[in-house]
Amino acid sequence: MILLQLFLSFLQIGLFSVGGGYAAIPLIQSQVVDLHGWLTETEFLDLATIAEMTPGPIAVNGATFVGLKVAGIPGAVAATVGDVLPSLVIVSLLAWVYRRYRELPVLQSVLGSLRPAVVALILSAGTNMLLQVTFGSRSMVSWSRFNWAGAALFTVAFFVLRKFRLNPVAVMLACGVAGLFLGLLGVF
């Protein structure tokens, strides 16, 4: 019975957490803390921290963690499958529709109009991250709070990625090492 509860709870989370991993956190908390009591508030905060810092989607990491804690390996499998099943079905249906009707002018028109929106979303996210790094806030931009080291790291990383086409993972690791070094020197 617990495996079915885990599956159904995370099926709801996977179905209704539109907007990415951070949108799933309140849904996960509602299910695992408030509704079922599988985790305490403190355990949930630990879960959110672990799910955020481990590779992979937050909701999937959270589902696996909760399932493992509640019912061992079978619980981890049940919760994880429940979480990813809605996305798997929806993306599979969309892929089928695309393959079948990709030549239709109306579908090409829809996809063509979505491309600028996707670029705008990516640009918005990038701008928000840049403001967070350089000013410490997305909403309160003040030159007195300007982070010169963060701006310099951003500029160098952007230049290196565009000019030399280096592997983004290598650039991220180099920035992490530089940030650690600058932090030890007290710059950050």
Foldseek 3Di string as FASTA:
>chain_A
DVLVLLLQLLLVLLQPQPDFQVSSLVSLCCSCPVPPNLDHPVVSVVLQVVLVPDDDGSSLSSSLVSLCSRPRPSRSVSNNCSNCVVVVVVVVVVVVCCVVCVPDPVNVVVVVVVVVVVVVVVVVVVLQVLCCQQQVGSPDRDPVRGQPVSVVLVVVLVCCCVPVVDDNVVSVVVSVVVVVVCVVVVSD
